[in-house]
PDB file of N, CA and C in Angstrom:
ATOM      1  N   MET A   1     -38.518 -31.968  -1.956  1.00  0.00           N
ATOM      2  CA  MET A   1     -37.123 -31.919  -1.631  1.00  0.00           C
ATOM      3  C   MET A   1     -36.579 -30.497  -1.765  1.00  0.00           C
ATOM      4  N   VAL A   2     -36.887 -29.843  -2.842  1.00  0.00           N
ATOM      5  CA  VAL A   2     -36.390 -28.505  -3.073  1.00  0.00           C
ATOM      6  C   VAL A   2     -37.109 -27.504  -2.185  1.00  0.00           C
ATOM      7  N   ARG A   3     -38.380 -27.731  -1.898  1.00  0.00           N
ATOM      8  CA  ARG A   3     -39.157 -26.794  -1.090  1.00  0.00           C
ATOM      9  C   ARG A   3     -38.578 -26.632   0.309  1.00  0.00           C
ATOM     10  N   GLY A   4     -38.089 -27.671   0.888  1.00  0.00           N
ATOM     11  CA  GLY A   4     -37.541 -27.596   2.242  1.00  0.00           C
ATOM     12  C   GLY A   4     -36.269 -26.776   2.305  1.00  0.00           C
ATOM     13  N   LYS A   5     -35.470 -26.789   1.273  1.00  0.00           N
ATOM     14  CA  LYS A   5     -34.205 -26.051   1.260  1.00  0.00           C
ATOM     15  C   LYS A   5     -34.375 -24.623   0.776  1.00  0.00           C
ATOM     16  N   LYS A   6     -35.493 -24.330   0.152  1.00  0.00           N
ATOM     17  CA  LYS A   6     -35.687 -23.008  -0.437  1.00  0.00           C
ATOM     18  C   LYS A   6     -35.729 -21.916   0.622  1.00  0.00           C
ATOM     19  N   GLY A   7     -36.424 -22.132   1.704  1.00  0.00           N
ATOM     20  CA  GLY A   7     -36.565 -21.118   2.730  1.00  0.00           C
ATOM     21  C   GLY A   7     -35.429 -21.107   3.738  1.00  0.00           C
ATOM     22  N   ARG A   8     -34.579 -22.085   3.701  1.00  0.00           N
ATOM     23  CA  ARG A   8     -33.499 -22.217   4.665  1.00  0.00           C
ATOM     24  C   ARG A   8     -32.265 -21.450   4.201  1.00  0.00           C
ATOM     25  N   LYS A   9     -31.657 -20.727   5.114  1.00  0.00           N
ATOM     26  CA  LYS A   9     -30.409 -20.025   4.806  1.00  0.00           C
ATOM     27  C   LYS A   9     -29.264 -20.759   5.474  1.00  0.00           C
ATOM     28  N   SER A  10     -28.116 -20.746   4.824  1.00  0.00           N
ATOM     29  CA  SER A  10     -26.967 -21.404   5.441  1.00  0.00           C
ATOM     30  C   SER A  10     -26.387 -20.476   6.495  1.00  0.00           C
ATOM     31  N   VAL A  11     -26.192 -21.008   7.674  1.00  0.00           N
ATOM     32  CA  VAL A  11     -25.652 -20.242   8.787  1.00  0.00           C
ATOM     33  C   VAL A  11     -24.253 -20.756   9.063  1.00  0.00           C
ATOM     34  N   THR A  12     -23.287 -19.822   9.082  1.00  0.00           N
ATOM     35  CA  THR A  12     -21.910 -20.192   9.334  1.00  0.00           C
ATOM     36  C   THR A  12     -21.517 -19.695  10.713  1.00  0.00           C
ATOM     37  N   ASN A  13     -20.864 -20.531  11.449  1.00  0.00           N
ATOM     38  CA  ASN A  13     -20.423 -20.173  12.779  1.00  0.00           C
ATOM     39  C   ASN A  13     -19.296 -19.143  12.681  1.00  0.00           C
ATOM     40  N   VAL A  14     -19.360 -18.102  13.517  1.00  0.00           N
ATOM     41  CA  VAL A  14     -18.354 -17.041  13.492  1.00  0.00           C
ATOM     42  C   VAL A  14     -16.984 -17.602  13.865  1.00  0.00           C
ATOM     43  N   GLN A  15     -16.950 -18.520  14.809  1.00  0.00           N
ATOM     44  CA  GLN A  15     -15.676 -19.098  15.230  1.00  0.00           C
ATOM     45  C   GLN A  15     -15.031 -19.885  14.089  1.00  0.00           C
ATOM     46  N   ASP A  16     -15.852 -20.605  13.288  1.00  0.00           N
ATOM     47  CA  ASP A  16     -15.308 -21.333  12.143  1.00  0.00           C
ATOM     48  C   ASP A  16     -14.705 -20.384  11.127  1.00  0.00           C
ATOM     49  N   MET A  17     -15.338 -19.218  10.918  1.00  0.00           N
ATOM     50  CA  MET A  17     -14.805 -18.230   9.979  1.00  0.00           C
ATOM     51  C   MET A  17     -13.470 -17.684  10.471  1.00  0.00           C
ATOM     52  N   GLN A  18     -13.395 -17.414  11.775  1.00  0.00           N
ATOM     53  CA  GLN A  18     -12.153 -16.882  12.327  1.00  0.00           C
ATOM     54  C   GLN A  18     -11.036 -17.911  12.251  1.00  0.00           C
ATOM     55  N   ASP A  19     -11.369 -19.186  12.513  1.00  0.00           N
ATOM     56  CA  ASP A  19     -10.352 -20.230  12.438  1.00  0.00           C
ATOM     57  C   ASP A  19      -9.831 -20.407  11.028  1.00  0.00           C
ATOM     58  N   SER A  20     -10.736 -20.363  10.055  1.00  0.00           N
ATOM     59  CA  SER A  20     -10.289 -20.525   8.669  1.00  0.00           C
ATOM     60  C   SER A  20      -9.474 -19.333   8.212  1.00  0.00           C
ATOM     61  N   ARG A  21      -9.838 -18.135   8.665  1.00  0.00           N
ATOM     62  CA  ARG A  21      -9.080 -16.942   8.311  1.00  0.00           C
ATOM     63  C   ARG A  21      -7.702 -16.988   8.952  1.00  0.00           C
ATOM     64  N   ALA A  22      -7.609 -17.452  10.183  1.00  0.00           N
ATOM     65  CA  ALA A  22      -6.320 -17.542  10.870  1.00  0.00           C
ATOM     66  C   ALA A  22      -5.435 -18.605  10.233  1.00  0.00           C
ATOM     67  N   ALA A  23      -6.043 -19.685   9.743  1.00  0.00           N
ATOM     68  CA  ALA A  23      -5.255 -20.751   9.109  1.00  0.00           C
ATOM     69  C   ALA A  23      -4.686 -20.295   7.779  1.00  0.00           C
ATOM     70  N   ASP A  24      -5.388 -19.405   7.072  1.00  0.00           N
ATOM     71  CA  ASP A  24      -4.939 -18.937   5.769  1.00  0.00           C
ATOM     72  C   ASP A  24      -3.926 -17.807   5.857  1.00  0.00           C
ATOM     73  N   SER A  25      -3.866 -17.104   6.973  1.00  0.00           N
ATOM     74  CA  SER A  25      -3.019 -15.923   7.049  1.00  0.00           C
ATOM     75  C   SER A  25      -1.559 -16.309   7.279  1.00  0.00           C
ATOM     76  N   PRO A  26      -0.614 -15.559   6.669  1.00  0.00           N
ATOM     77  CA  PRO A  26       0.807 -15.855   6.853  1.00  0.00           C
ATOM     78  C   PRO A  26       1.313 -15.460   8.231  1.00  0.00           C
ATOM     79  N   GLU A  27       0.557 -14.643   8.956  1.00  0.00           N
ATOM     80  CA  GLU A  27       1.020 -14.181  10.252  1.00  0.00           C
ATOM     81  C   GLU A  27       0.592 -15.107  11.379  1.00  0.00           C
ATOM     82  N   LYS A  28       0.173 -16.291  11.048  1.00  0.00           N
ATOM     83  CA  LYS A  28      -0.309 -17.250  12.039  1.00  0.00           C
ATOM     84  C   LYS A  28       0.780 -17.599  13.047  1.00  0.00           C
ATOM     85  N   ASN A  29       1.980 -17.774  12.588  1.00  0.00           N
ATOM     86  CA  ASN A  29       3.064 -18.193  13.470  1.00  0.00           C
ATOM     87  C   ASN A  29       3.576 -17.058  14.340  1.00  0.00           C
ATOM     88  N   THR A  30       3.615 -15.857  13.816  1.00  0.00           N
ATOM     89  CA  THR A  30       4.202 -14.744  14.551  1.00  0.00           C
ATOM     90  C   THR A  30       3.209 -14.053  15.459  1.00  0.00           C
ATOM     91  N   GLY A  31       1.933 -14.069  15.116  1.00  0.00           N
ATOM     92  CA  GLY A  31       0.946 -13.374  15.915  1.00  0.00           C
ATOM     93  C   GLY A  31       0.884 -11.896  15.609  1.00  0.00           C
ATOM     94  N   ARG A  32       1.722 -11.404  14.735  1.00  0.00           N
ATOM     95  CA  ARG A  32       1.731  -9.991  14.348  1.00  0.00           C
ATOM     96  C   ARG A  32       1.599  -9.899  12.834  1.00  0.00           C
ATOM     97  N   ARG A  33       1.098  -8.784  12.378  1.00  0.00           N
ATOM     98  CA  ARG A  33       1.000  -8.621  10.935  1.00  0.00           C
ATOM     99  C   ARG A  33       2.382  -8.330  10.364  1.00  0.00           C
ATOM    100  N   GLN A  34       2.586  -8.757   9.148  1.00  0.00           N
ATOM    101  CA  GLN A  34       3.880  -8.557   8.506  1.00  0.00           C
ATOM    102  C   GLN A  34       4.016  -7.097   8.091  1.00  0.00           C
ATOM    103  N   ARG A  35       5.124  -6.485   8.430  1.00  0.00           N
ATOM    104  CA  ARG A  35       5.371  -5.088   8.073  1.00  0.00           C
ATOM    105  C   ARG A  35       6.526  -5.017   7.092  1.00  0.00           C
ATOM    106  N   PHE A  36       6.556  -3.910   6.377  1.00  0.00           N
ATOM    107  CA  PHE A  36       7.645  -3.698   5.442  1.00  0.00           C
ATOM    108  C   PHE A  36       8.890  -3.267   6.207  1.00  0.00           C
ATOM    109  N   ALA A  37      10.027  -3.677   5.717  1.00  0.00           N
ATOM    110  CA  ALA A  37      11.296  -3.250   6.297  1.00  0.00           C
ATOM    111  C   ALA A  37      11.666  -1.881   5.723  1.00  0.00           C
ATOM    112  N   PHE A  38      12.608  -1.219   6.387  1.00  0.00           N
ATOM    113  CA  PHE A  38      13.008   0.115   5.951  1.00  0.00           C
ATOM    114  C   PHE A  38      13.577   0.085   4.536  1.00  0.00           C
ATOM    115  N   TRP A  39      14.360  -0.939   4.222  1.00  0.00           N
ATOM    116  CA  TRP A  39      14.972  -1.008   2.893  1.00  0.00           C
ATOM    117  C   TRP A  39      13.910  -1.175   1.802  1.00  0.00           C
ATOM    118  N   GLU A  40      12.760  -1.772   2.137  1.00  0.00           N
ATOM    119  CA  GLU A  40      11.684  -1.886   1.142  1.00  0.00           C
ATOM    120  C   GLU A  40      11.059  -0.530   0.849  1.00  0.00           C
ATOM    121  N   TYR A  41      10.936   0.314   1.875  1.00  0.00           N
ATOM    122  CA  TYR A  41      10.466   1.685   1.645  1.00  0.00           C
ATOM    123  C   TYR A  41      11.464   2.450   0.787  1.00  0.00           C
ATOM    124  N   VAL A  42      12.747   2.266   1.057  1.00  0.00           N
ATOM    125  CA  VAL A  42      13.785   2.945   0.266  1.00  0.00           C
ATOM    126  C   VAL A  42      13.722   2.478  -1.188  1.00  0.00           C
ATOM    127  N   LEU A  43      13.525   1.197  -1.393  1.00  0.00           N
ATOM    128  CA  LEU A  43      13.431   0.652  -2.749  1.00  0.00           C
ATOM    129  C   LEU A  43      12.236   1.233  -3.512  1.00  0.00           C
ATOM    130  N   VAL A  44      11.101   1.342  -2.856  1.00  0.00           N
ATOM    131  CA  VAL A  44       9.916   1.925  -3.496  1.00  0.00           C
ATOM    132  C   VAL A  44      10.159   3.402  -3.817  1.00  0.00           C
ATOM    133  N   CYS A  45      10.810   4.122  -2.917  1.00  0.00           N
ATOM    134  CA  CYS A  45      11.102   5.539  -3.161  1.00  0.00           C
ATOM    135  C   CYS A  45      12.049   5.707  -4.347  1.00  0.00           C
ATOM    136  N   ILE A  46      13.068   4.866  -4.428  1.00  0.00           N
ATOM    137  CA  ILE A  46      13.995   4.946  -5.564  1.00  0.00           C
ATOM    138  C   ILE A  46      13.264   4.656  -6.870  1.00  0.00           C
ATOM    139  N   PHE A  47      12.411   3.649  -6.857  1.00  0.00           N
ATOM    140  CA  PHE A  47      11.631   3.327  -8.049  1.00  0.00           C
ATOM    141  C   PHE A  47      10.758   4.508  -8.465  1.00  0.00           C
ATOM    142  N   PHE A  48      10.103   5.156  -7.504  1.00  0.00           N
ATOM    143  CA  PHE A  48       9.226   6.278  -7.835  1.00  0.00           C
ATOM    144  C   PHE A  48      10.021   7.483  -8.333  1.00  0.00           C
ATOM    145  N   ILE A  49      11.194   7.724  -7.757  1.00  0.00           N
ATOM    146  CA  ILE A  49      12.034   8.840  -8.219  1.00  0.00           C
ATOM    147  C   ILE A  49      12.478   8.596  -9.661  1.00  0.00           C
ATOM    148  N   LEU A  50      12.893   7.370  -9.962  1.00  0.00           N
ATOM    149  CA  LEU A  50      13.277   7.055 -11.348  1.00  0.00           C
ATOM    150  C   LEU A  50      12.089   7.194 -12.303  1.00  0.00           C
ATOM    151  N   PHE A  51      10.918   6.786 -11.851  1.00  0.00           N
ATOM    152  CA  PHE A  51       9.717   6.929 -12.668  1.00  0.00           C
ATOM    153  C   PHE A  51       9.426   8.400 -12.957  1.00  0.00           C
ATOM    154  N   CYS A  52       9.567   9.265 -11.955  1.00  0.00           N
ATOM    155  CA  CYS A  52       9.323  10.705 -12.157  1.00  0.00           C
ATOM    156  C   CYS A  52      10.328  11.301 -13.132  1.00  0.00           C
ATOM    157  N   TYR A  53      11.598  10.912 -13.012  1.00  0.00           N
ATOM    158  CA  TYR A  53      12.597  11.441 -13.940  1.00  0.00           C
ATOM    159  C   TYR A  53      12.374  10.934 -15.364  1.00  0.00           C
ATOM    160  N   LEU A  54      11.922   9.713 -15.503  1.00  0.00           N
ATOM    161  CA  LEU A  54      11.590   9.194 -16.827  1.00  0.00           C
ATOM    162  C   LEU A  54      10.426   9.966 -17.432  1.00  0.00           C
ATOM    163  N   GLN A  55       9.405  10.235 -16.650  1.00  0.00           N
ATOM    164  CA  GLN A  55       8.257  10.989 -17.148  1.00  0.00           C
ATOM    165  C   GLN A  55       8.654  12.423 -17.511  1.00  0.00           C
ATOM    166  N   LYS A  56       9.542  13.013 -16.710  1.00  0.00           N
ATOM    167  CA  LYS A  56      10.005  14.370 -17.003  1.00  0.00           C
ATOM    168  C   LYS A  56      10.806  14.392 -18.306  1.00  0.00           C
ATOM    169  N   TYR A  57      11.643  13.391 -18.524  1.00  0.00           N
ATOM    170  CA  TYR A  57      12.423  13.299 -19.748  1.00  0.00           C
ATOM    171  C   TYR A  57      11.505  13.157 -20.967  1.00  0.00           C
ATOM    172  N   VAL A  58      10.500  12.316 -20.861  1.00  0.00           N
ATOM    173  CA  VAL A  58       9.559  12.127 -21.977  1.00  0.00           C
ATOM    174  C   VAL A  58       8.812  13.425 -22.261  1.00  0.00           C
ATOM    175  N   ALA A  59       8.393  14.132 -21.201  1.00  0.00           N
ATOM    176  CA  ALA A  59       7.681  15.396 -21.405  1.00  0.00           C
ATOM    177  C   ALA A  59       8.596  16.439 -22.034  1.00  0.00           C
ATOM    178  N   PHE A  60       9.872  16.487 -21.644  1.00  0.00           N
ATOM    179  CA  PHE A  60      10.818  17.424 -22.262  1.00  0.00           C
ATOM    180  C   PHE A  60      10.980  17.140 -23.750  1.00  0.00           C
ATOM    181  N   LYS A  61      11.050  15.869 -24.112  1.00  0.00           N
ATOM    182  CA  LYS A  61      11.216  15.514 -25.527  1.00  0.00           C
ATOM    183  C   LYS A  61       9.978  15.870 -26.339  1.00  0.00           C
ATOM    184  N   ILE A  62       8.804  15.761 -25.740  1.00  0.00           N
ATOM    185  CA  ILE A  62       7.579  16.113 -26.462  1.00  0.00           C
ATOM    186  C   ILE A  62       7.469  17.618 -26.638  1.00  0.00           C
ATOM    187  N   LEU A  63       7.829  18.402 -25.602  1.00  0.00           N
ATOM    188  CA  LEU A  63       7.689  19.853 -25.673  1.00  0.00           C
ATOM    189  C   LEU A  63       8.826  20.507 -26.442  1.00  0.00           C
ATOM    190  N   ARG A  64       9.975  19.915 -26.486  1.00  0.00           N
ATOM    191  CA  ARG A  64      11.148  20.372 -27.248  1.00  0.00           C
ATOM    192  C   ARG A  64      11.546  21.827 -26.984  1.00  0.00           C
ATOM    193  N   GLY A  65      11.960  22.105 -25.751  1.00  0.00           N
ATOM    194  CA  GLY A  65      12.651  23.355 -25.498  1.00  0.00           C
ATOM    195  C   GLY A  65      11.829  24.545 -25.078  1.00  0.00           C
ATOM    196  N   ALA A  66      10.589  24.407 -24.732  1.00  0.00           N
ATOM    197  CA  ALA A  66       9.834  25.547 -24.229  1.00  0.00           C
ATOM    198  C   ALA A  66      10.290  25.807 -22.791  1.00  0.00           C
ATOM    199  N   GLU A  67      10.845  27.003 -22.540  1.00  0.00           N
ATOM    200  CA  GLU A  67      11.494  27.270 -21.258  1.00  0.00           C
ATOM    201  C   GLU A  67      10.505  27.311 -20.096  1.00  0.00           C
ATOM    202  N   LEU A  68       9.362  27.916 -20.280  1.00  0.00           N
ATOM    203  CA  LEU A  68       8.383  28.017 -19.204  1.00  0.00           C
ATOM    204  C   LEU A  68       7.851  26.634 -18.829  1.00  0.00           C
ATOM    205  N   GLU A  69       7.585  25.820 -19.833  1.00  0.00           N
ATOM    206  CA  GLU A  69       7.112  24.473 -19.551  1.00  0.00           C
ATOM    207  C   GLU A  69       8.199  23.642 -18.873  1.00  0.00           C
ATOM    208  N   GLU A  70       9.454  23.909 -19.232  1.00  0.00           N
ATOM    209  CA  GLU A  70      10.548  23.179 -18.603  1.00  0.00           C
ATOM    210  C   GLU A  70      10.621  23.492 -17.116  1.00  0.00           C
ATOM    211  N   LEU A  71      10.470  24.754 -16.750  1.00  0.00           N
ATOM    212  CA  LEU A  71      10.465  25.120 -15.338  1.00  0.00           C
ATOM    213  C   LEU A  71       9.266  24.517 -14.611  1.00  0.00           C
ATOM    214  N   ALA A  72       8.126  24.513 -15.267  1.00  0.00           N
ATOM    215  CA  ALA A  72       6.923  23.953 -14.649  1.00  0.00           C
ATOM    216  C   ALA A  72       7.063  22.449 -14.447  1.00  0.00           C
ATOM    217  N   LEU A  73       7.631  21.759 -15.439  1.00  0.00           N
ATOM    218  CA  LEU A  73       7.816  20.317 -15.312  1.00  0.00           C
ATOM    219  C   LEU A  73       8.834  19.975 -14.221  1.00  0.00           C
ATOM    220  N   ASN A  74       9.916  20.766 -14.155  1.00  0.00           N
ATOM    221  CA  ASN A  74      10.887  20.548 -13.081  1.00  0.00           C
ATOM    222  C   ASN A  74      10.224  20.705 -11.716  1.00  0.00           C
ATOM    223  N   PHE A  75       9.455  21.770 -11.556  1.00  0.00           N
ATOM    224  CA  PHE A  75       8.790  22.008 -10.284  1.00  0.00           C
ATOM    225  C   PHE A  75       7.805  20.890  -9.970  1.00  0.00           C
ATOM    226  N   PHE A  76       6.986  20.507 -10.936  1.00  0.00           N
ATOM    227  CA  PHE A  76       5.949  19.504 -10.708  1.00  0.00           C
ATOM    228  C   PHE A  76       6.535  18.149 -10.319  1.00  0.00           C
ATOM    229  N   PHE A  77       7.450  17.638 -11.140  1.00  0.00           N
ATOM    230  CA  PHE A  77       7.962  16.293 -10.876  1.00  0.00           C
ATOM    231  C   PHE A  77       8.881  16.250  -9.654  1.00  0.00           C
ATOM    232  N   ASP A  78       9.646  17.314  -9.426  1.00  0.00           N
ATOM    233  CA  ASP A  78      10.495  17.338  -8.232  1.00  0.00           C
ATOM    234  C   ASP A  78       9.651  17.425  -6.963  1.00  0.00           C
ATOM    235  N   THR A  79       8.596  18.213  -6.997  1.00  0.00           N
ATOM    236  CA  THR A  79       7.695  18.290  -5.848  1.00  0.00           C
ATOM    237  C   THR A  79       6.985  16.960  -5.633  1.00  0.00           C
ATOM    238  N   LEU A  80       6.633  16.296  -6.717  1.00  0.00           N
ATOM    239  CA  LEU A  80       5.933  15.020  -6.630  1.00  0.00           C
ATOM    240  C   LEU A  80       6.784  13.968  -5.931  1.00  0.00           C
ATOM    241  N   TRP A  81       8.035  13.799  -6.354  1.00  0.00           N
ATOM    242  CA  TRP A  81       8.837  12.743  -5.732  1.00  0.00           C
ATOM    243  C   TRP A  81       9.274  13.117  -4.321  1.00  0.00           C
ATOM    244  N   LYS A  82       9.503  14.399  -4.065  1.00  0.00           N
ATOM    245  CA  LYS A  82       9.875  14.800  -2.702  1.00  0.00           C
ATOM    246  C   LYS A  82       8.711  14.591  -1.731  1.00  0.00           C
ATOM    247  N   GLY A  83       7.504  14.908  -2.172  1.00  0.00           N
ATOM    248  CA  GLY A  83       6.329  14.650  -1.341  1.00  0.00           C
ATOM    249  C   GLY A  83       6.129  13.168  -1.099  1.00  0.00           C
ATOM    250  N   PHE A  84       6.371  12.352  -2.119  1.00  0.00           N
ATOM    251  CA  PHE A  84       6.247  10.908  -1.972  1.00  0.00           C
ATOM    252  C   PHE A  84       7.234  10.369  -0.944  1.00  0.00           C
ATOM    253  N   VAL A  85       8.455  10.866  -0.968  1.00  0.00           N
ATOM    254  CA  VAL A  85       9.471  10.416  -0.013  1.00  0.00           C
ATOM    255  C   VAL A  85       9.078  10.817   1.410  1.00  0.00           C
ATOM    256  N   ILE A  86       8.547  12.019   1.575  1.00  0.00           N
ATOM    257  CA  ILE A  86       8.121  12.468   2.907  1.00  0.00           C
ATOM    258  C   ILE A  86       6.991  11.591   3.432  1.00  0.00           C
ATOM    259  N   VAL A  87       6.010  11.315   2.590  1.00  0.00           N
ATOM    260  CA  VAL A  87       4.885  10.471   3.018  1.00  0.00           C
ATOM    261  C   VAL A  87       5.362   9.047   3.316  1.00  0.00           C
ATOM    262  N   ALA A  88       6.259   8.510   2.508  1.00  0.00           N
ATOM    263  CA  ALA A  88       6.783   7.169   2.766  1.00  0.00           C
ATOM    264  C   ALA A  88       7.533   7.119   4.093  1.00  0.00           C
ATOM    265  N   LEU A  89       8.268   8.172   4.416  1.00  0.00           N
ATOM    266  CA  LEU A  89       8.964   8.233   5.701  1.00  0.00           C
ATOM    267  C   LEU A  89       7.972   8.260   6.857  1.00  0.00           C
ATOM    268  N   LEU A  90       6.903   9.034   6.720  1.00  0.00           N
ATOM    269  CA  LEU A  90       5.890   9.086   7.772  1.00  0.00           C
ATOM    270  C   LEU A  90       5.179   7.743   7.934  1.00  0.00           C
ATOM    271  N   VAL A  91       4.917   7.056   6.839  1.00  0.00           N
ATOM    272  CA  VAL A  91       4.285   5.737   6.920  1.00  0.00           C
ATOM    273  C   VAL A  91       5.225   4.750   7.598  1.00  0.00           C
ATOM    274  N   TRP A  92       6.513   4.807   7.278  1.00  0.00           N
ATOM    275  CA  TRP A  92       7.463   3.909   7.923  1.00  0.00           C
ATOM    276  C   TRP A  92       7.532   4.191   9.426  1.00  0.00           C
ATOM    277  N   LEU A  93       7.536   5.477   9.809  1.00  0.00           N
ATOM    278  CA  LEU A  93       7.564   5.819  11.229  1.00  0.00           C
ATOM    279  C   LEU A  93       6.319   5.301  11.939  1.00  0.00           C
ATOM    280  N   HIS A  94       5.171   5.419  11.302  1.00  0.00           N
ATOM    281  CA  HIS A  94       3.941   4.906  11.893  1.00  0.00           C
ATOM    282  C   HIS A  94       4.027   3.392  12.061  1.00  0.00           C
ATOM    283  N   ASP A  95       4.489   2.699  11.036  1.00  0.00           N
ATOM    284  CA  ASP A  95       4.635   1.249  11.128  1.00  0.00           C
ATOM    285  C   ASP A  95       5.650   0.851  12.199  1.00  0.00           C
ATOM    286  N   PHE A  96       6.697   1.639  12.339  1.00  0.00           N
ATOM    287  CA  PHE A  96       7.755   1.306  13.286  1.00  0.00           C
ATOM    288  C   PHE A  96       7.291   1.462  14.735  1.00  0.00           C
ATOM    289  N   PHE A  97       6.526   2.522  15.019  1.00  0.00           N
ATOM    290  CA  PHE A  97       6.134   2.809  16.390  1.00  0.00           C
ATOM    291  C   PHE A  97       4.737   2.323  16.759  1.00  0.00           C
ATOM    292  N   TYR A  98       3.958   1.850  15.809  1.00  0.00           N
ATOM    293  CA  TYR A  98       2.589   1.417  16.082  1.00  0.00           C
ATOM    294  C   TYR A  98       2.599   0.109  16.851  1.00  0.00           C
ATOM    295  N   LYS A  99       1.830   0.049  17.899  1.00  0.00           N
ATOM    296  CA  LYS A  99       1.717  -1.176  18.680  1.00  0.00           C
ATOM    297  C   LYS A  99       0.422  -1.870  18.280  1.00  0.00           C
ATOM    298  N   ASP A 100       0.520  -3.163  18.008  1.00  0.00           N
ATOM    299  CA  ASP A 100      -0.654  -3.924  17.604  1.00  0.00           C
ATOM    300  C   ASP A 100      -1.635  -4.050  18.762  1.00  0.00           C
ATOM    301  N   VAL A 101      -2.889  -3.889  18.436  1.00  0.00           N
ATOM    302  CA  VAL A 101      -3.953  -4.101  19.400  1.00  0.00           C
ATOM    303  C   VAL A 101      -4.807  -5.229  18.865  1.00  0.00           C
ATOM    304  N   GLU A 102      -4.901  -6.305  19.621  1.00  0.00           N
ATOM    305  CA  GLU A 102      -5.666  -7.453  19.166  1.00  0.00           C
ATOM    306  C   GLU A 102      -7.137  -7.202  19.405  1.00  0.00           C
ATOM    307  N   ASP A 103      -7.956  -7.550  18.429  1.00  0.00           N
ATOM    308  CA  ASP A 103      -9.387  -7.412  18.570  1.00  0.00           C
ATOM    309  C   ASP A 103      -9.938  -8.603  19.341  1.00  0.00           C
ATOM    310  N   ASN A 104     -10.769  -8.319  20.296  1.00  0.00           N
ATOM    311  CA  ASN A 104     -11.420  -9.386  21.062  1.00  0.00           C
ATOM    312  C   ASN A 104     -12.820  -9.555  20.528  1.00  0.00           C
ATOM    313  N   ILE A 105     -12.990 -10.525  19.650  1.00  0.00           N
ATOM    314  CA  ILE A 105     -14.297 -10.786  19.059  1.00  0.00           C
ATOM    315  C   ILE A 105     -14.931 -11.928  19.833  1.00  0.00           C
ATOM    316  N   PRO A 106     -16.103 -11.678  20.411  1.00  0.00           N
ATOM    317  CA  PRO A 106     -16.750 -12.745  21.194  1.00  0.00           C
ATOM    318  C   PRO A 106     -17.257 -13.866  20.323  1.00  0.00           C
TER     319      PRO A 106
END
């Protein structure tokens, strides 16, 4: 009994896999992938800016008044959040203008 199943591999039909994947996906009804709205990008950017200011405040309290380090921390964290906002804007633009291309899997 076991010998017959030992050499056999289970073969799954590709169409069955695609059907099960389509049934599980939330985009089944719309036919398009779900994208983030602009306000969600703004919310993430605000969260990241607050996180950077919190980290800068904690670093200032640990260093306690070193002027050179204060300038370096201002530059670092301000550059960090500004770069994040620029990248988030570019990602939103890509999502906004990108046209979906459906894959034709035989």
